[in-house]
């Protein structure tokens, strides 16, 4: 009896230890399924439009070169709305990158007198720098010809712009593009036509299709200017449509065309190209478009 009791107590002790052991394992998880880990948030997709690009390349014509902004009949790239260093202008590059970085990471490939047919070549130069943002302002010289009949046909304007963007996309698939509208050339004529100095400069050949024979107000002259203005509007439609087909392209929504340039915003040497103040206004328009949460319409 004594041994049986001892054996019984030993069996009970082993059984109890086993039960406690199982209980202990369950307490720390054991074979039970571990509680699920909290789901990690999915990383946010990279936005198609970066409102703070780290480098800027500019292409275009005399406006982007700052022609007649600082001196008569000469380029002034330091006053360029896109990449200039002038504190008075506070260019797009300076606003985006800061003054020191803008000096190292912005490039101006625009050429005075350039037309849309020249844009693919400028793009080829710009992509060598691998910019994150390319600014485009071109088209005024396509309308500013000797006569309205010499203006670039809209179909050619479209084809050359599409070709330029295709070349950019092939070289830099993720580069962003900002496209400015062509200014309202007729408004520029209306601002300077009462100034004798401006008309003397215009006679040197500045935009003859619009500015030639500036004092003429007969029906023929009016039709000529209206024809040029309509062509500019057609060009702007092309710029908007082609840009909208590219998910990494932003148009200014017609802001440059709609801007009411006054005498203070026009060069005092030709009353046609933007002055330093006019360049600053262009920089403001571009900065608003590039940093806006949504594209301008």
Protein backbone atom coordinates (compact mmCIF):
# COMPACT_ATOMS: atom_id res chain seq x y z
CA UNK A 1 0.00 0.00 0.00
CA UNK A 2 2.76 2.44 0.84
CA UNK A 3 4.60 1.78 -2.41
CA UNK A 4 1.38 2.06 -4.40
CA UNK A 5 0.69 5.40 -2.81
CA UNK A 6 4.17 6.63 -3.61
CA UNK A 7 3.81 5.43 -7.19
CA UNK A 8 0.43 7.12 -7.45
CA UNK A 9 1.82 10.37 -6.15
CA UNK A 10 4.67 10.13 -8.66
CA UNK A 11 2.27 9.55 -11.55
CA UNK A 12 0.13 12.47 -10.45
CA UNK A 13 3.19 14.69 -10.16
CA UNK A 14 4.31 13.81 -13.67
CA UNK A 15 0.80 14.36 -15.01
CA UNK A 16 0.52 17.69 -13.24
CA UNK A 17 3.90 18.77 -14.56
CA UNK A 18 2.79 17.83 -18.03
CA UNK A 19 -0.41 19.82 -17.70
CA UNK A 20 1.44 22.82 -16.32
CA UNK A 21 4.02 22.48 -19.08
CA UNK A 22 1.33 22.52 -21.75
CA UNK A 23 -0.35 25.45 -20.06
CA UNK A 24 2.97 27.25 -19.95
CA UNK A 25 3.55 26.69 -23.68
CA UNK A 26 0.09 27.94 -24.49
CA UNK A 27 0.77 31.05 -22.44
CA UNK A 28 3.73 31.98 -24.61
CA UNK A 29 2.23 30.84 -27.87
CA UNK A 30 3.28 27.20 -28.19
CA UNK A 31 1.78 25.60 -31.23
CA UNK A 32 -1.03 28.16 -31.38
CA UNK A 33 -1.01 30.61 -34.28
CA UNK A 34 0.85 33.81 -33.48
CA UNK A 35 -1.20 37.00 -33.59
CA UNK A 36 -0.98 38.57 -37.02
CA UNK A 37 1.51 41.41 -37.41
CA UNK A 38 0.04 44.78 -38.13
CA UNK A 39 -0.11 45.31 -41.88
CA UNK A 40 2.65 47.55 -43.18
CA UNK A 41 1.36 50.53 -45.16
CA UNK A 42 1.97 50.29 -48.87
CA UNK A 43 4.53 52.80 -50.09
CA UNK A 44 3.00 55.79 -51.82
CA UNK A 45 3.42 55.65 -55.58
CA UNK A 46 5.88 58.14 -57.01
CA UNK A 47 3.82 61.03 -58.39
CA UNK A 48 3.98 61.62 -62.11
CA UNK A 49 4.59 65.31 -61.48
CA UNK A 50 7.31 66.36 -59.05
CA UNK A 51 6.69 69.91 -57.89
CA UNK A 52 10.30 70.34 -56.78
CA UNK A 53 12.59 69.13 -59.58
CA UNK A 54 16.33 69.31 -58.95
CA UNK A 55 17.48 70.58 -62.36
CA UNK A 56 16.08 72.72 -65.18
CA UNK A 57 16.89 73.06 -68.87
CA UNK A 58 15.26 75.77 -70.99
CA UNK A 59 14.57 75.67 -74.73
CA UNK A 60 12.88 78.25 -76.89
CA UNK A 61 13.48 81.60 -78.57
CA UNK A 62 14.51 85.19 -77.83
CA UNK A 63 12.10 85.57 -74.93
CA UNK A 64 13.86 82.81 -73.00
CA UNK A 65 17.23 84.30 -73.97
CA UNK A 66 16.20 87.62 -72.40
CA UNK A 67 16.63 89.49 -75.68
CA UNK A 68 16.46 93.28 -75.26
CA UNK A 69 15.85 92.97 -71.53
CA UNK A 70 19.17 94.51 -70.49
CA UNK A 71 20.61 96.19 -73.58
CA UNK A 72 19.54 97.08 -77.08
CA UNK A 73 19.38 94.28 -79.65
CA UNK A 74 21.28 91.76 -77.53
CA UNK A 75 20.61 88.65 -75.48
CA UNK A 76 20.60 88.88 -71.69
CA UNK A 77 20.33 85.27 -70.42
CA UNK A 78 20.90 86.38 -66.83
CA UNK A 79 17.45 88.01 -67.06
CA UNK A 80 15.75 84.92 -68.47
CA UNK A 81 12.47 83.98 -66.81
CA UNK A 82 13.49 80.31 -66.97
CA UNK A 83 17.11 80.09 -65.84
CA UNK A 84 18.37 83.64 -65.23
CA UNK A 85 20.41 84.66 -62.21
CA UNK A 86 19.09 88.22 -61.87
CA UNK A 87 17.61 88.93 -58.42
CA UNK A 88 15.14 91.26 -60.09
CA UNK A 89 13.72 88.41 -62.14
CA UNK A 90 13.90 85.61 -59.57
CA UNK A 91 13.74 83.03 -62.35
CA UNK A 92 11.94 79.72 -62.27
CA UNK A 93 15.22 77.87 -61.70
CA UNK A 94 16.15 80.12 -58.78
CA UNK A 95 12.70 79.73 -57.23
CA UNK A 96 12.83 75.94 -57.54
CA UNK A 97 16.49 75.23 -56.75
CA UNK A 98 17.79 78.22 -54.82
CA UNK A 99 20.32 80.65 -56.25
CA UNK A 100 23.47 78.58 -55.64
CA UNK A 101 22.09 75.33 -57.03
CA UNK A 102 20.44 77.08 -59.96
CA UNK A 103 23.87 78.24 -61.10
CA UNK A 104 25.00 74.61 -61.27
CA UNK A 105 21.83 72.78 -62.28
CA UNK A 106 20.10 74.97 -64.87
CA UNK A 107 20.95 75.45 -68.54
CA UNK A 108 19.60 77.74 -71.26
CA UNK A 109 19.56 76.22 -74.75
CA UNK A 110 17.12 78.73 -76.25
CA UNK A 111 18.20 80.62 -79.38
CA UNK A 112 17.08 84.06 -80.46
CA UNK A 113 15.11 83.77 -83.69
CA UNK A 114 14.28 80.08 -83.20
CA UNK A 115 11.08 78.60 -84.56
CA UNK A 116 9.30 75.37 -83.76
CA UNK A 117 11.31 73.57 -86.46
CA UNK A 118 14.42 74.28 -84.34
CA UNK A 119 12.99 72.74 -81.18
CA UNK A 120 14.04 69.11 -81.82
CA UNK A 121 17.66 70.25 -82.12
CA UNK A 122 17.47 72.22 -78.89
CA UNK A 123 15.92 69.24 -77.13
CA UNK A 124 18.81 67.08 -78.34
CA UNK A 125 21.20 69.47 -76.63
CA UNK A 126 19.14 69.73 -73.45
CA UNK A 127 18.83 65.98 -72.83
CA UNK A 128 22.60 65.64 -72.58
CA UNK A 129 22.32 67.36 -69.21
CA UNK A 130 19.61 64.92 -68.08
CA UNK A 131 17.40 67.66 -66.58
CA UNK A 132 14.43 66.75 -64.44
CA UNK A 133 12.42 69.66 -65.88
CA UNK A 134 12.49 71.11 -69.38
CA UNK A 135 10.79 74.44 -70.04
CA UNK A 136 9.47 75.28 -73.50
CA UNK A 137 8.48 78.73 -74.79
CA UNK A 138 8.45 78.93 -78.56
CA UNK A 139 6.14 79.90 -81.40
CA UNK A 140 6.26 83.69 -81.62
CA UNK A 141 8.77 83.57 -84.48
CA UNK A 142 6.55 81.15 -86.38
CA UNK A 143 3.94 83.90 -86.48
CA UNK A 144 6.38 86.82 -86.76
CA UNK A 145 7.22 86.44 -90.45
CA UNK A 146 7.56 88.90 -93.31
CA UNK A 147 3.89 88.38 -94.19
CA UNK A 148 1.04 86.31 -92.80
CA UNK A 149 1.34 83.90 -95.73
CA UNK A 150 4.89 83.06 -94.61
CA UNK A 151 3.79 81.94 -91.13
CA UNK A 152 4.48 78.31 -90.22
CA UNK A 153 1.50 76.12 -91.16
CA UNK A 154 -0.28 74.74 -88.13
CA UNK A 155 0.24 71.16 -89.32
CA UNK A 156 4.02 71.65 -89.49
CA UNK A 157 4.03 73.37 -86.12
CA UNK A 158 2.24 70.38 -84.61
CA UNK A 159 4.50 67.81 -86.30
CA UNK A 160 7.69 69.51 -85.13
CA UNK A 161 6.42 69.85 -81.56
CA UNK A 162 5.40 66.19 -81.45
CA UNK A 163 8.79 65.21 -82.85
CA UNK A 164 10.56 67.22 -80.16
CA UNK A 165 8.57 65.61 -77.35
CA UNK A 166 9.09 62.13 -78.77
CA UNK A 167 12.84 62.74 -78.84
CA UNK A 168 12.73 63.92 -75.24
CA UNK A 169 10.71 60.91 -74.12
CA UNK A 170 13.05 58.50 -75.86
CA UNK A 171 16.08 59.98 -74.13
CA UNK A 172 14.51 60.88 -70.77
CA UNK A 173 11.27 58.95 -70.14
CA UNK A 174 10.67 60.56 -66.74
CA UNK A 175 11.67 64.15 -67.51
CA UNK A 176 8.96 66.73 -66.86
CA UNK A 177 8.02 69.41 -69.37
CA UNK A 178 6.52 72.83 -68.78
CA UNK A 179 5.06 74.48 -71.89
CA UNK A 180 4.29 78.20 -71.94
CA UNK A 181 1.74 79.63 -74.35
CA UNK A 182 2.71 82.08 -77.09
CA UNK A 183 2.08 85.72 -76.04
CA UNK A 184 -0.73 87.75 -77.59
CA UNK A 185 1.28 89.57 -80.26
CA UNK A 186 -1.56 91.90 -81.13
CA UNK A 187 -1.70 93.20 -77.59
CA UNK A 188 2.03 93.92 -77.75
CA UNK A 189 1.40 95.96 -80.91
CA UNK A 190 -1.37 97.90 -79.18
CA UNK A 191 0.94 98.71 -76.26
CA UNK A 192 3.77 100.10 -78.36
CA UNK A 193 2.14 101.59 -81.45
CA UNK A 194 1.82 105.06 -79.93
CA UNK A 195 5.51 105.29 -79.09
CA UNK A 196 7.66 106.82 -81.82
CA UNK A 197 10.83 105.06 -80.65
CA UNK A 198 9.19 101.65 -80.66
CA UNK A 199 7.97 102.12 -84.20
CA UNK A 200 11.46 103.08 -85.35
CA UNK A 201 12.83 99.85 -83.88
CA UNK A 202 9.98 97.81 -85.33
CA UNK A 203 10.99 99.02 -88.77
CA UNK A 204 14.26 97.09 -88.34
CA UNK A 205 12.24 93.93 -88.87
CA UNK A 206 10.81 92.93 -85.49
CA UNK A 207 7.72 90.80 -86.15
CA UNK A 208 6.76 92.49 -89.44
CA UNK A 209 3.61 90.42 -89.94
CA UNK A 210 2.17 92.09 -86.83
CA UNK A 211 4.22 95.25 -86.29
CA UNK A 212 4.90 96.34 -89.85
CA UNK A 213 3.20 99.60 -90.88
CA UNK A 214 2.18 100.05 -87.26
CA UNK A 215 0.11 103.20 -87.84
CA UNK A 216 -2.12 101.64 -90.48
CA UNK A 217 -5.66 101.04 -89.22
CA UNK A 218 -7.42 100.31 -92.49
CA UNK A 219 -9.30 97.08 -93.13
CA UNK A 220 -6.33 95.43 -94.84
CA UNK A 221 -4.00 96.11 -91.91
CA UNK A 222 -6.65 95.00 -89.44
CA UNK A 223 -7.20 91.75 -91.34
CA UNK A 224 -3.44 91.15 -91.39
CA UNK A 225 -3.11 91.55 -87.64
CA UNK A 226 -6.21 89.48 -86.93
CA UNK A 227 -4.85 86.72 -89.15
CA UNK A 228 -1.61 86.66 -87.16
CA UNK A 229 -3.50 86.66 -83.89
CA UNK A 230 -5.63 83.73 -85.02
CA UNK A 231 -2.51 81.80 -85.99
CA UNK A 232 -1.06 82.39 -82.54
CA UNK A 233 -4.26 81.03 -81.02
CA UNK A 234 -4.01 78.00 -83.30
CA UNK A 235 -0.42 77.43 -82.17
CA UNK A 236 -1.51 77.65 -78.55
CA UNK A 237 -4.17 75.05 -79.17
CA UNK A 238 -1.52 72.73 -80.58
CA UNK A 239 0.77 73.31 -77.60
CA UNK A 240 -2.06 72.52 -75.20
CA UNK A 241 -3.26 69.40 -77.05
CA UNK A 242 0.16 67.85 -77.61
CA UNK A 243 1.22 68.56 -74.04
CA UNK A 244 -1.98 67.11 -72.58
CA UNK A 245 -1.27 63.82 -74.36
CA UNK A 246 1.93 63.47 -72.32
CA UNK A 247 1.36 62.58 -68.69
CA UNK A 248 4.56 64.34 -67.62
CA UNK A 249 3.84 67.60 -69.43
CA UNK A 250 2.14 70.71 -68.06
CA UNK A 251 0.81 73.62 -70.08
CA UNK A 252 0.36 77.06 -68.55
CA UNK A 253 -3.35 77.01 -69.36
CA UNK A 254 -2.96 80.05 -71.61
CA UNK A 255 -1.62 82.23 -68.79
CA UNK A 256 1.14 83.86 -70.86
CA UNK A 257 -1.22 84.55 -73.75
CA UNK A 258 -3.80 86.03 -71.38
CA UNK A 259 -1.33 88.14 -69.39
CA UNK A 260 -1.94 91.83 -70.00
CA UNK A 261 1.60 93.05 -70.56
CA UNK A 262 1.82 96.79 -69.98
CA UNK A 263 4.56 99.23 -70.97
CA UNK A 264 6.48 98.44 -67.77
CA UNK A 265 6.66 94.77 -68.79
CA UNK A 266 8.00 95.53 -72.29
CA UNK A 267 11.56 96.29 -73.35
CA UNK A 268 12.19 100.02 -73.59
CA UNK A 269 14.28 99.32 -76.68
CA UNK A 270 11.74 97.47 -78.81
CA UNK A 271 8.38 97.50 -76.93
CA UNK A 272 7.94 93.88 -77.93
CA UNK A 273 10.19 91.59 -75.90
CA UNK A 274 9.73 91.40 -72.13
CA UNK A 275 11.65 93.83 -69.97
CA UNK A 276 13.31 92.66 -66.76
CA UNK A 277 9.96 93.24 -65.06
CA UNK A 278 8.18 91.32 -67.80
CA UNK A 279 10.62 88.44 -67.39
CA UNK A 280 9.83 88.40 -63.67
CA UNK A 281 6.12 88.13 -64.47
CA UNK A 282 6.82 85.17 -66.78
CA UNK A 283 8.82 83.52 -63.98
CA UNK A 284 5.85 83.92 -61.63
CA UNK A 285 3.48 82.33 -64.13
CA UNK A 286 5.81 79.39 -64.70
CA UNK A 287 6.42 78.83 -61.00
CA UNK A 288 2.70 78.75 -60.25
CA UNK A 289 2.15 76.18 -62.98
CA UNK A 290 5.06 73.95 -62.03
CA UNK A 291 4.28 73.92 -58.29
CA UNK A 292 0.49 73.71 -58.52
CA UNK A 293 -1.10 70.57 -57.08
CA UNK A 294 -3.04 70.08 -60.30
CA UNK A 295 -2.37 71.18 -63.87
CA UNK A 296 -3.70 74.59 -64.84
CA UNK A 297 -6.65 74.60 -67.21
